[in-house]
């Protein structure tokens, strides 16, 4: 596997995390810098670690992941998306919605796992197809995947700010629907 192939795989794997980061960037109004860094670091680390886990897990792990991965992603994204939509339409005393606060640690871990399950499957495929060569090359591939996911997520989160002039309630509804759609796309 060469660097171009690894980069293309990394870009494909980064899509879910990038879409989530963009959606969250739409709704977050406070502590944006710290939240963006935490989110990008989390999804980047999970995207880097999951191919290694998948590689070492081999065929057994691949069969489990391929069966349940789309449904797990659907469940997590639908829960997160519907929560954002619900909070968008439930006003607080100040008129600002509840979902505009940074992600909790549990939320970050859920997003990290949900957006990197496909990276686990890629790692298992690398093991089964004997792709990637020596462990050093596998480590480099995992590092590139994690770095590209980090960069894409950070860029998507901050680019969402361009839409902040729109009403918060509608931005949050759009972000929630985007996440639900991404989850549904996993099983279609």
N, C-alpha and C. Protein backbone atom coordinates (compact mmCIF):
# COMPACT_ATOMS: atom_id res chain seq x y z
N UNK A 1 0.86 -1.17 0.00
CA UNK A 1 0.00 0.00 0.00
C UNK A 1 0.91 1.23 0.00
N UNK A 2 0.64 2.15 -0.93
CA UNK A 2 1.47 3.36 -1.00
C UNK A 2 0.77 4.52 -0.29
N UNK A 3 1.48 5.64 -0.22
CA UNK A 3 0.94 6.80 0.52
C UNK A 3 -0.31 7.38 -0.13
N UNK A 4 -0.41 7.34 -1.43
CA UNK A 4 -1.61 7.84 -2.10
C UNK A 4 -2.82 6.99 -1.71
N UNK A 5 -2.66 5.67 -1.71
CA UNK A 5 -3.76 4.78 -1.32
C UNK A 5 -4.15 5.01 0.14
N UNK A 6 -3.17 5.15 1.00
CA UNK A 6 -3.45 5.40 2.41
C UNK A 6 -4.20 6.73 2.57
N UNK A 7 -3.77 7.75 1.84
CA UNK A 7 -4.41 9.06 1.93
C UNK A 7 -5.86 8.99 1.44
N UNK A 8 -6.09 8.29 0.34
CA UNK A 8 -7.46 8.15 -0.17
C UNK A 8 -8.34 7.39 0.82
N UNK A 9 -7.81 6.34 1.41
CA UNK A 9 -8.55 5.59 2.43
C UNK A 9 -8.84 6.50 3.62
N UNK A 10 -7.86 7.28 4.03
CA UNK A 10 -8.02 8.19 5.17
C UNK A 10 -9.11 9.22 4.90
N UNK A 11 -9.13 9.78 3.70
CA UNK A 11 -10.18 10.75 3.35
C UNK A 11 -11.56 10.10 3.37
N UNK A 12 -11.65 8.89 2.87
CA UNK A 12 -12.94 8.19 2.89
C UNK A 12 -13.38 7.89 4.33
N UNK A 13 -12.44 7.49 5.16
CA UNK A 13 -12.77 7.18 6.55
C UNK A 13 -13.13 8.44 7.36
N UNK A 14 -12.60 9.58 6.95
CA UNK A 14 -12.82 10.83 7.69
C UNK A 14 -14.18 11.44 7.44
N UNK A 15 -14.93 10.94 6.48
CA UNK A 15 -16.19 11.58 6.10
C UNK A 15 -17.18 11.65 7.26
N UNK A 16 -17.42 10.55 7.95
CA UNK A 16 -18.39 10.55 9.06
C UNK A 16 -18.00 11.55 10.14
N UNK A 17 -16.74 11.51 10.54
CA UNK A 17 -16.26 12.42 11.59
C UNK A 17 -16.35 13.87 11.12
N UNK A 18 -16.07 14.12 9.86
CA UNK A 18 -16.13 15.47 9.32
C UNK A 18 -17.56 16.00 9.32
N UNK A 19 -18.49 15.15 8.90
CA UNK A 19 -19.90 15.55 8.89
C UNK A 19 -20.38 15.83 10.32
N UNK A 20 -19.99 14.98 11.25
CA UNK A 20 -20.38 15.20 12.64
C UNK A 20 -19.78 16.51 13.15
N UNK A 21 -18.51 16.75 12.87
CA UNK A 21 -17.86 17.98 13.34
C UNK A 21 -18.53 19.21 12.74
N UNK A 22 -18.90 19.14 11.48
CA UNK A 22 -19.60 20.26 10.85
C UNK A 22 -20.95 20.49 11.53
N UNK A 23 -21.68 19.41 11.78
CA UNK A 23 -22.99 19.52 12.43
C UNK A 23 -22.85 20.12 13.82
N UNK A 24 -21.87 19.67 14.56
CA UNK A 24 -21.68 20.19 15.91
C UNK A 24 -21.19 21.63 15.87
N UNK A 25 -20.39 21.95 14.87
CA UNK A 25 -19.95 23.33 14.70
C UNK A 25 -21.10 24.28 14.40
N UNK A 26 -22.17 23.76 13.79
CA UNK A 26 -23.35 24.58 13.53
C UNK A 26 -24.04 25.00 14.82
N UNK A 27 -24.09 24.10 15.79
CA UNK A 27 -24.90 24.36 16.98
C UNK A 27 -24.13 24.93 18.16
N UNK A 28 -22.83 24.73 18.20
CA UNK A 28 -22.07 25.18 19.37
C UNK A 28 -21.83 26.68 19.30
N UNK A 29 -22.14 27.36 20.39
CA UNK A 29 -21.99 28.82 20.45
C UNK A 29 -20.93 29.26 21.45
N UNK A 30 -20.52 28.38 22.36
CA UNK A 30 -19.57 28.77 23.39
C UNK A 30 -18.40 27.79 23.44
N UNK A 31 -17.28 28.25 23.94
CA UNK A 31 -16.08 27.43 24.07
C UNK A 31 -15.74 26.70 22.77
N UNK A 32 -15.85 27.39 21.66
CA UNK A 32 -15.68 26.77 20.34
C UNK A 32 -14.26 26.22 20.12
N UNK A 33 -13.25 26.97 20.49
CA UNK A 33 -11.88 26.54 20.23
C UNK A 33 -11.54 25.24 20.95
N UNK A 34 -11.85 25.20 22.23
CA UNK A 34 -11.56 24.03 23.04
C UNK A 34 -12.41 22.83 22.60
N UNK A 35 -13.68 23.07 22.31
CA UNK A 35 -14.58 21.99 21.87
C UNK A 35 -14.12 21.43 20.53
N UNK A 36 -13.73 22.29 19.62
CA UNK A 36 -13.26 21.84 18.29
C UNK A 36 -12.01 20.97 18.45
N UNK A 37 -11.08 21.41 19.29
CA UNK A 37 -9.85 20.64 19.50
C UNK A 37 -10.14 19.29 20.14
N UNK A 38 -11.00 19.27 21.16
CA UNK A 38 -11.35 18.01 21.83
C UNK A 38 -12.03 17.05 20.86
N UNK A 39 -12.96 17.56 20.07
CA UNK A 39 -13.68 16.72 19.12
C UNK A 39 -12.72 16.18 18.06
N UNK A 40 -11.91 17.04 17.48
CA UNK A 40 -10.98 16.61 16.43
C UNK A 40 -9.93 15.63 16.97
N UNK A 41 -9.44 15.88 18.18
CA UNK A 41 -8.48 14.94 18.78
C UNK A 41 -9.12 13.58 19.05
N UNK A 42 -10.35 13.60 19.54
CA UNK A 42 -11.03 12.34 19.84
C UNK A 42 -11.27 11.52 18.58
N UNK A 43 -11.88 12.13 17.56
CA UNK A 43 -12.17 11.35 16.35
C UNK A 43 -10.89 10.97 15.63
N UNK A 44 -9.87 11.83 15.66
CA UNK A 44 -8.60 11.49 15.04
C UNK A 44 -7.93 10.31 15.74
N UNK A 45 -7.96 10.32 17.07
CA UNK A 45 -7.36 9.21 17.83
C UNK A 45 -8.09 7.90 17.58
N UNK A 46 -9.42 7.96 17.57
CA UNK A 46 -10.18 6.73 17.31
C UNK A 46 -9.94 6.23 15.88
N UNK A 47 -9.87 7.16 14.92
CA UNK A 47 -9.62 6.74 13.53
C UNK A 47 -8.22 6.15 13.39
N UNK A 48 -7.27 6.61 14.17
CA UNK A 48 -5.92 6.05 14.11
C UNK A 48 -5.84 4.70 14.83
N UNK A 49 -6.56 4.58 15.93
CA UNK A 49 -6.47 3.35 16.72
C UNK A 49 -7.28 2.19 16.18
N UNK A 50 -8.42 2.48 15.58
CA UNK A 50 -9.29 1.40 15.13
C UNK A 50 -8.70 0.52 14.02
N UNK A 51 -7.96 1.07 13.05
CA UNK A 51 -7.35 0.16 12.07
C UNK A 51 -6.34 -0.79 12.71
N UNK A 52 -5.64 -0.30 13.73
CA UNK A 52 -4.69 -1.16 14.44
C UNK A 52 -5.44 -2.29 15.15
N UNK A 53 -6.53 -1.94 15.82
CA UNK A 53 -7.34 -2.94 16.50
C UNK A 53 -7.91 -3.94 15.50
N UNK A 54 -8.43 -3.42 14.39
CA UNK A 54 -8.98 -4.29 13.36
C UNK A 54 -7.94 -5.20 12.75
N UNK A 55 -6.76 -4.67 12.53
CA UNK A 55 -5.68 -5.47 11.97
C UNK A 55 -5.33 -6.62 12.89
N UNK A 56 -5.22 -6.30 14.17
CA UNK A 56 -4.85 -7.33 15.14
C UNK A 56 -6.01 -8.26 15.44
N UNK A 57 -7.23 -7.83 15.23
CA UNK A 57 -8.38 -8.68 15.47
C UNK A 57 -8.63 -9.67 14.36
N UNK A 58 -8.28 -9.30 13.15
CA UNK A 58 -8.38 -10.19 12.02
C UNK A 58 -9.79 -10.58 11.63
N UNK A 59 -9.92 -11.77 11.15
CA UNK A 59 -11.17 -12.23 10.55
C UNK A 59 -12.33 -12.30 11.54
N UNK A 60 -12.12 -12.76 12.75
CA UNK A 60 -13.21 -12.86 13.72
C UNK A 60 -13.83 -11.50 13.99
N UNK A 61 -13.00 -10.51 14.23
CA UNK A 61 -13.49 -9.16 14.52
C UNK A 61 -14.19 -8.56 13.30
N UNK A 62 -13.68 -8.86 12.13
CA UNK A 62 -14.29 -8.32 10.91
C UNK A 62 -15.70 -8.84 10.73
N UNK A 63 -15.93 -10.11 11.00
CA UNK A 63 -17.27 -10.67 10.81
C UNK A 63 -18.26 -10.06 11.80
N UNK A 64 -17.82 -9.79 13.01
CA UNK A 64 -18.69 -9.16 14.01
C UNK A 64 -18.99 -7.72 13.61
N UNK A 65 -17.95 -6.99 13.24
CA UNK A 65 -18.11 -5.59 12.89
C UNK A 65 -18.98 -5.41 11.65
N UNK A 66 -18.76 -6.23 10.64
CA UNK A 66 -19.51 -6.05 9.40
C UNK A 66 -21.00 -6.30 9.61
N UNK A 67 -21.36 -7.13 10.56
CA UNK A 67 -22.77 -7.41 10.83
C UNK A 67 -23.45 -6.28 11.58
N UNK A 68 -22.80 -5.75 12.61
CA UNK A 68 -23.45 -4.80 13.50
C UNK A 68 -23.07 -3.34 13.30
N UNK A 69 -21.98 -3.08 12.60
CA UNK A 69 -21.48 -1.70 12.49
C UNK A 69 -22.51 -0.72 11.95
N UNK A 70 -23.19 -0.99 10.85
CA UNK A 70 -24.15 0.00 10.35
C UNK A 70 -25.27 0.29 11.34
N UNK A 71 -25.70 -0.73 12.07
CA UNK A 71 -26.80 -0.54 13.02
C UNK A 71 -26.35 0.24 14.25
N UNK A 72 -25.12 0.01 14.68
CA UNK A 72 -24.58 0.77 15.81
C UNK A 72 -24.44 2.24 15.44
N UNK A 73 -23.91 2.49 14.25
CA UNK A 73 -23.76 3.87 13.79
C UNK A 73 -25.14 4.53 13.65
N UNK A 74 -26.10 3.81 13.09
CA UNK A 74 -27.47 4.33 12.96
C UNK A 74 -28.03 4.70 14.33
N UNK A 75 -27.90 3.82 15.30
CA UNK A 75 -28.43 4.07 16.63
C UNK A 75 -27.78 5.31 17.27
N UNK A 76 -26.46 5.37 17.25
CA UNK A 76 -25.76 6.49 17.89
C UNK A 76 -26.10 7.81 17.20
N UNK A 77 -26.04 7.82 15.87
CA UNK A 77 -26.31 9.08 15.16
C UNK A 77 -27.77 9.49 15.26
N UNK A 78 -28.69 8.54 15.27
CA UNK A 78 -30.09 8.91 15.44
C UNK A 78 -30.35 9.46 16.85
N UNK A 79 -29.73 8.85 17.85
CA UNK A 79 -29.87 9.38 19.21
C UNK A 79 -29.28 10.78 19.34
N UNK A 80 -28.08 10.97 18.81
CA UNK A 80 -27.46 12.29 18.88
C UNK A 80 -28.25 13.31 18.07
N UNK A 81 -28.65 12.94 16.87
CA UNK A 81 -29.40 13.86 16.01
C UNK A 81 -30.76 14.23 16.58
N UNK A 82 -31.49 13.23 17.08
CA UNK A 82 -32.81 13.53 17.65
C UNK A 82 -32.68 14.34 18.93
N UNK A 83 -31.61 14.13 19.68
CA UNK A 83 -31.38 14.93 20.88
C UNK A 83 -31.14 16.39 20.51
N UNK A 84 -30.35 16.62 19.48
CA UNK A 84 -30.09 17.99 19.03
C UNK A 84 -31.39 18.64 18.56
N UNK A 85 -32.20 17.92 17.79
CA UNK A 85 -33.47 18.47 17.30
C UNK A 85 -34.41 18.76 18.47
N UNK A 86 -34.52 17.82 19.39
CA UNK A 86 -35.38 18.01 20.55
C UNK A 86 -34.98 19.26 21.33
N UNK A 87 -33.68 19.38 21.60
CA UNK A 87 -33.20 20.53 22.36
C UNK A 87 -33.35 21.84 21.59
N UNK A 88 -33.31 21.77 20.27
CA UNK A 88 -33.47 22.98 19.47
C UNK A 88 -34.86 23.58 19.65
N UNK A 89 -35.84 22.73 19.85
CA UNK A 89 -37.23 23.20 19.92
C UNK A 89 -37.72 23.34 21.36
N UNK A 90 -36.88 23.01 22.31
CA UNK A 90 -37.21 23.19 23.72
C UNK A 90 -36.43 24.39 24.23
N UNK A 91 -37.10 25.47 24.42
CA UNK A 91 -36.44 26.72 24.81
C UNK A 91 -36.08 26.70 26.29
N UNK A 92 -34.94 27.30 26.59
CA UNK A 92 -34.57 27.52 27.98
C UNK A 92 -35.04 28.91 28.38
N UNK A 93 -34.80 29.28 29.58
CA UNK A 93 -35.24 30.60 30.08
C UNK A 93 -34.62 31.74 29.28
N UNK A 94 -33.42 31.56 28.81
CA UNK A 94 -32.75 32.63 28.07
C UNK A 94 -33.11 32.64 26.60
N UNK A 95 -33.84 31.63 26.17
CA UNK A 95 -34.21 31.56 24.75
C UNK A 95 -33.17 30.83 23.92
N UNK A 96 -32.03 30.51 24.50
CA UNK A 96 -30.99 29.78 23.79
C UNK A 96 -31.18 28.29 24.06
N UNK A 97 -30.88 27.46 23.12
CA UNK A 97 -31.15 26.04 23.28
C UNK A 97 -30.07 25.35 24.10
N UNK A 98 -30.44 24.21 24.66
CA UNK A 98 -29.57 23.47 25.56
C UNK A 98 -28.38 22.87 24.83
N UNK A 99 -28.54 22.49 23.57
CA UNK A 99 -27.49 21.76 22.86
C UNK A 99 -26.31 22.63 22.47
N UNK A 100 -26.32 23.88 22.85
CA UNK A 100 -25.21 24.74 22.46
C UNK A 100 -24.03 24.64 23.43
N UNK A 101 -24.01 23.64 24.29
CA UNK A 101 -22.90 23.45 25.21
C UNK A 101 -21.94 22.41 24.64
N UNK A 102 -20.68 22.42 25.09
CA UNK A 102 -19.69 21.47 24.57
C UNK A 102 -20.06 20.02 24.88
N UNK A 103 -19.53 19.12 24.09
CA UNK A 103 -19.78 17.69 24.28
C UNK A 103 -19.19 17.21 25.60
N UNK A 104 -19.89 16.31 26.26
CA UNK A 104 -19.35 15.68 27.47
C UNK A 104 -18.32 14.63 27.05
N UNK A 105 -17.58 14.14 28.02
CA UNK A 105 -16.59 13.09 27.73
C UNK A 105 -17.28 11.84 27.18
N UNK A 106 -18.42 11.47 27.76
CA UNK A 106 -19.16 10.30 27.27
C UNK A 106 -19.62 10.53 25.84
N UNK A 107 -20.09 11.74 25.55
CA UNK A 107 -20.51 12.06 24.19
C UNK A 107 -19.36 11.98 23.20
N UNK A 108 -18.20 12.49 23.61
CA UNK A 108 -17.02 12.41 22.74
C UNK A 108 -16.63 10.96 22.46
N UNK A 109 -16.67 10.12 23.48
CA UNK A 109 -16.31 8.72 23.28
C UNK A 109 -17.30 8.01 22.36
N UNK A 110 -18.58 8.29 22.54
CA UNK A 110 -19.59 7.71 21.64
C UNK A 110 -19.35 8.13 20.20
N UNK A 111 -19.09 9.40 19.99
CA UNK A 111 -18.84 9.90 18.64
C UNK A 111 -17.56 9.28 18.08
N UNK A 112 -16.53 9.17 18.91
CA UNK A 112 -15.28 8.55 18.47
C UNK A 112 -15.49 7.12 17.99
N UNK A 113 -16.24 6.34 18.76
CA UNK A 113 -16.50 4.95 18.37
C UNK A 113 -17.39 4.90 17.13
N UNK A 114 -18.48 5.65 17.14
CA UNK A 114 -19.45 5.59 16.04
C UNK A 114 -18.84 6.01 14.71
N UNK A 115 -17.95 7.00 14.74
CA UNK A 115 -17.39 7.48 13.48
C UNK A 115 -16.18 6.66 13.02
N UNK A 116 -15.71 5.72 13.83
CA UNK A 116 -14.50 4.98 13.45
C UNK A 116 -14.70 3.48 13.29
N UNK A 117 -15.93 3.03 13.33
CA UNK A 117 -16.17 1.59 13.16
C UNK A 117 -15.71 1.13 11.78
N UNK A 118 -15.92 1.96 10.77
CA UNK A 118 -15.47 1.58 9.44
C UNK A 118 -13.94 1.47 9.37
N UNK A 119 -13.23 2.25 10.19
CA UNK A 119 -11.77 2.16 10.25
C UNK A 119 -11.35 0.82 10.86
N UNK A 120 -12.14 0.31 11.79
CA UNK A 120 -11.89 -1.01 12.36
C UNK A 120 -11.99 -2.07 11.28
N UNK A 121 -13.02 -1.96 10.44
CA UNK A 121 -13.21 -2.91 9.35
C UNK A 121 -12.07 -2.81 8.33
N UNK A 122 -11.60 -1.60 8.07
CA UNK A 122 -10.48 -1.42 7.14
C UNK A 122 -9.24 -2.12 7.70
N UNK A 123 -9.00 -1.96 8.98
CA UNK A 123 -7.86 -2.64 9.60
C UNK A 123 -7.96 -4.15 9.48
N UNK A 124 -9.16 -4.70 9.69
CA UNK A 124 -9.36 -6.14 9.55
C UNK A 124 -9.14 -6.58 8.10
N UNK A 125 -9.59 -5.77 7.16
CA UNK A 125 -9.38 -6.10 5.74
C UNK A 125 -7.90 -6.06 5.40
N UNK A 126 -7.18 -5.13 6.00
CA UNK A 126 -5.74 -5.05 5.77
C UNK A 126 -5.06 -6.33 6.26
N UNK A 127 -5.52 -6.86 7.38
CA UNK A 127 -4.94 -8.09 7.91
C UNK A 127 -5.31 -9.28 7.04
N UNK A 128 -6.56 -9.36 6.66
CA UNK A 128 -7.02 -10.50 5.87
C UNK A 128 -6.43 -10.49 4.46
N UNK A 129 -6.26 -9.31 3.91
CA UNK A 129 -5.70 -9.20 2.56
C UNK A 129 -4.19 -9.07 2.56
N UNK A 130 -3.60 -9.17 3.74
CA UNK A 130 -2.15 -9.05 3.89
C UNK A 130 -1.65 -7.74 3.26
N UNK A 131 -2.41 -6.66 3.51
CA UNK A 131 -2.10 -5.34 2.97
C UNK A 131 -1.42 -4.52 4.05
N UNK A 132 -0.47 -3.77 3.67
CA UNK A 132 0.14 -2.85 4.63
C UNK A 132 1.55 -3.22 5.00
N UNK A 133 1.98 -4.43 4.69
CA UNK A 133 3.36 -4.81 4.92
C UNK A 133 3.71 -4.90 6.39
N UNK A 134 4.91 -4.51 6.72
CA UNK A 134 5.38 -4.64 8.11
C UNK A 134 4.62 -3.71 9.06
N UNK A 135 4.78 -3.98 10.34
CA UNK A 135 4.08 -3.21 11.37
C UNK A 135 4.37 -1.72 11.27
N UNK A 136 5.57 -1.36 10.86
CA UNK A 136 5.92 0.06 10.73
C UNK A 136 4.99 0.74 9.73
N UNK A 137 4.74 0.08 8.60
CA UNK A 137 3.86 0.64 7.58
C UNK A 137 2.43 0.73 8.10
N UNK A 138 1.98 -0.24 8.87
CA UNK A 138 0.65 -0.21 9.46
C UNK A 138 0.54 0.97 10.42
N UNK A 139 1.58 1.20 11.22
CA UNK A 139 1.59 2.34 12.13
C UNK A 139 1.56 3.66 11.39
N UNK A 140 2.29 3.75 10.29
CA UNK A 140 2.27 4.96 9.47
C UNK A 140 0.88 5.19 8.88
N UNK A 141 0.27 4.12 8.38
CA UNK A 141 -1.08 4.25 7.82
C UNK A 141 -2.06 4.73 8.87
N UNK A 142 -2.00 4.18 10.06
CA UNK A 142 -2.89 4.58 11.15
C UNK A 142 -2.65 6.04 11.52
N UNK A 143 -1.40 6.46 11.55
CA UNK A 143 -1.07 7.85 11.86
C UNK A 143 -1.61 8.81 10.80
N UNK A 144 -1.48 8.44 9.54
CA UNK A 144 -1.99 9.27 8.45
C UNK A 144 -3.51 9.36 8.52
N UNK A 145 -4.17 8.23 8.78
CA UNK A 145 -5.63 8.21 8.89
C UNK A 145 -6.08 9.12 10.03
N UNK A 146 -5.44 9.02 11.18
CA UNK A 146 -5.80 9.85 12.32
C UNK A 146 -5.55 11.33 12.06
N UNK A 147 -4.42 11.65 11.44
CA UNK A 147 -4.07 13.05 11.16
C UNK A 147 -5.05 13.67 10.16
N UNK A 148 -5.37 12.96 9.11
CA UNK A 148 -6.31 13.49 8.11
C UNK A 148 -7.69 13.68 8.72
N UNK A 149 -8.13 12.75 9.56
CA UNK A 149 -9.42 12.90 10.22
C UNK A 149 -9.41 14.11 11.14
N UNK A 150 -8.33 14.29 11.88
CA UNK A 150 -8.20 15.45 12.77
C UNK A 150 -8.31 16.75 11.98
N UNK A 151 -7.55 16.87 10.90
CA UNK A 151 -7.54 18.09 10.10
C UNK A 151 -8.91 18.35 9.47
N UNK A 152 -9.52 17.32 8.87
CA UNK A 152 -10.83 17.49 8.24
C UNK A 152 -11.90 17.88 9.26
N UNK A 153 -11.88 17.26 10.42
CA UNK A 153 -12.87 17.56 11.46
C UNK A 153 -12.72 18.97 11.98
N UNK A 154 -11.50 19.37 12.21
CA UNK A 154 -11.24 20.73 12.71
C UNK A 154 -11.69 21.76 11.68
N UNK A 155 -11.36 21.52 10.42
CA UNK A 155 -11.75 22.46 9.36
C UNK A 155 -13.27 22.51 9.21
N UNK A 156 -13.92 21.37 9.27
CA UNK A 156 -15.39 21.33 9.13
C UNK A 156 -16.07 22.03 10.29
N UNK A 157 -15.59 21.80 11.50
CA UNK A 157 -16.16 22.44 12.68
C UNK A 157 -16.11 23.96 12.53
N UNK A 158 -14.95 24.47 12.16
CA UNK A 158 -14.79 25.93 12.07
C UNK A 158 -15.48 26.52 10.84
N UNK A 159 -15.58 25.75 9.76
CA UNK A 159 -16.27 26.28 8.58
C UNK A 159 -17.77 26.42 8.81
N UNK A 160 -18.31 25.67 9.74
CA UNK A 160 -19.74 25.77 10.05
C UNK A 160 -20.09 27.14 10.62
N UNK A 161 -19.11 27.81 11.14
CA UNK A 161 -19.36 29.14 11.73
C UNK A 161 -19.86 30.14 10.68
N UNK A 162 -19.58 29.88 9.43
CA UNK A 162 -20.03 30.77 8.36
C UNK A 162 -21.56 30.84 8.30
N UNK A 163 -22.22 29.84 8.86
CA UNK A 163 -23.68 29.80 8.83
C UNK A 163 -24.33 30.30 10.11
N UNK A 164 -23.54 30.81 11.04
CA UNK A 164 -24.09 31.22 12.35
C UNK A 164 -25.04 32.41 12.29
N UNK A 165 -25.15 33.08 11.16
CA UNK A 165 -26.08 34.20 11.07
C UNK A 165 -27.53 33.70 10.93
N UNK A 166 -27.69 32.42 10.65
CA UNK A 166 -29.03 31.83 10.55
C UNK A 166 -29.59 31.60 11.96
N UNK A 167 -30.91 31.52 12.11
CA UNK A 167 -31.51 31.29 13.43
C UNK A 167 -31.03 29.96 14.04
N UNK A 168 -30.68 30.01 15.31
CA UNK A 168 -30.13 28.86 16.02
C UNK A 168 -31.03 27.63 15.94
N UNK A 169 -32.30 27.81 16.16
CA UNK A 169 -33.23 26.69 16.17
C UNK A 169 -33.18 25.92 14.84
N UNK A 170 -33.12 26.64 13.74
CA UNK A 170 -33.10 26.00 12.42
C UNK A 170 -31.75 25.37 12.13
N UNK A 171 -30.67 25.99 12.58
CA UNK A 171 -29.34 25.39 12.41
C UNK A 171 -29.25 24.07 13.17
N UNK A 172 -29.76 24.07 14.39
CA UNK A 172 -29.71 22.85 15.20
C UNK A 172 -30.59 21.76 14.59
N UNK A 173 -31.74 22.14 14.08
CA UNK A 173 -32.61 21.16 13.42
C UNK A 173 -31.90 20.59 12.20
N UNK A 174 -31.26 21.44 11.41
CA UNK A 174 -30.53 20.99 10.23
C UNK A 174 -29.38 20.06 10.64
N UNK A 175 -28.66 20.41 11.70
CA UNK A 175 -27.55 19.58 12.17
C UNK A 175 -28.07 18.22 12.64
N UNK A 176 -29.17 18.21 13.37
CA UNK A 176 -29.74 16.95 13.84
C UNK A 176 -30.20 16.07 12.68
N UNK A 177 -30.87 16.67 11.70
CA UNK A 177 -31.32 15.92 10.53
C UNK A 177 -30.13 15.38 9.72
N UNK A 178 -29.06 16.15 9.66
CA UNK A 178 -27.85 15.71 8.98
C UNK A 178 -27.28 14.46 9.65
N UNK A 179 -27.27 14.46 10.98
CA UNK A 179 -26.75 13.28 11.71
C UNK A 179 -27.66 12.07 11.52
N UNK A 180 -28.97 12.28 11.62
CA UNK A 180 -29.91 11.17 11.41
C UNK A 180 -29.74 10.63 9.99
N UNK A 181 -29.61 11.52 9.01
CA UNK A 181 -29.41 11.09 7.63
C UNK A 181 -28.13 10.31 7.45
N UNK A 182 -27.06 10.73 8.13
CA UNK A 182 -25.80 10.02 8.06
C UNK A 182 -25.94 8.62 8.66
N UNK A 183 -26.69 8.52 9.76
CA UNK A 183 -26.94 7.21 10.35
C UNK A 183 -27.74 6.30 9.43
N UNK A 184 -28.79 6.85 8.84
CA UNK A 184 -29.62 6.07 7.91
C UNK A 184 -28.81 5.64 6.70
N UNK A 185 -27.93 6.52 6.25
CA UNK A 185 -27.08 6.18 5.08
C UNK A 185 -26.22 4.95 5.36
N UNK A 186 -25.88 4.69 6.61
CA UNK A 186 -25.03 3.54 6.95
C UNK A 186 -25.72 2.20 6.66
N UNK A 187 -27.05 2.18 6.72
CA UNK A 187 -27.73 0.90 6.50
C UNK A 187 -28.35 0.79 5.13
N UNK A 188 -28.33 1.87 4.38
CA UNK A 188 -28.93 1.85 3.03
C UNK A 188 -27.91 1.37 2.03
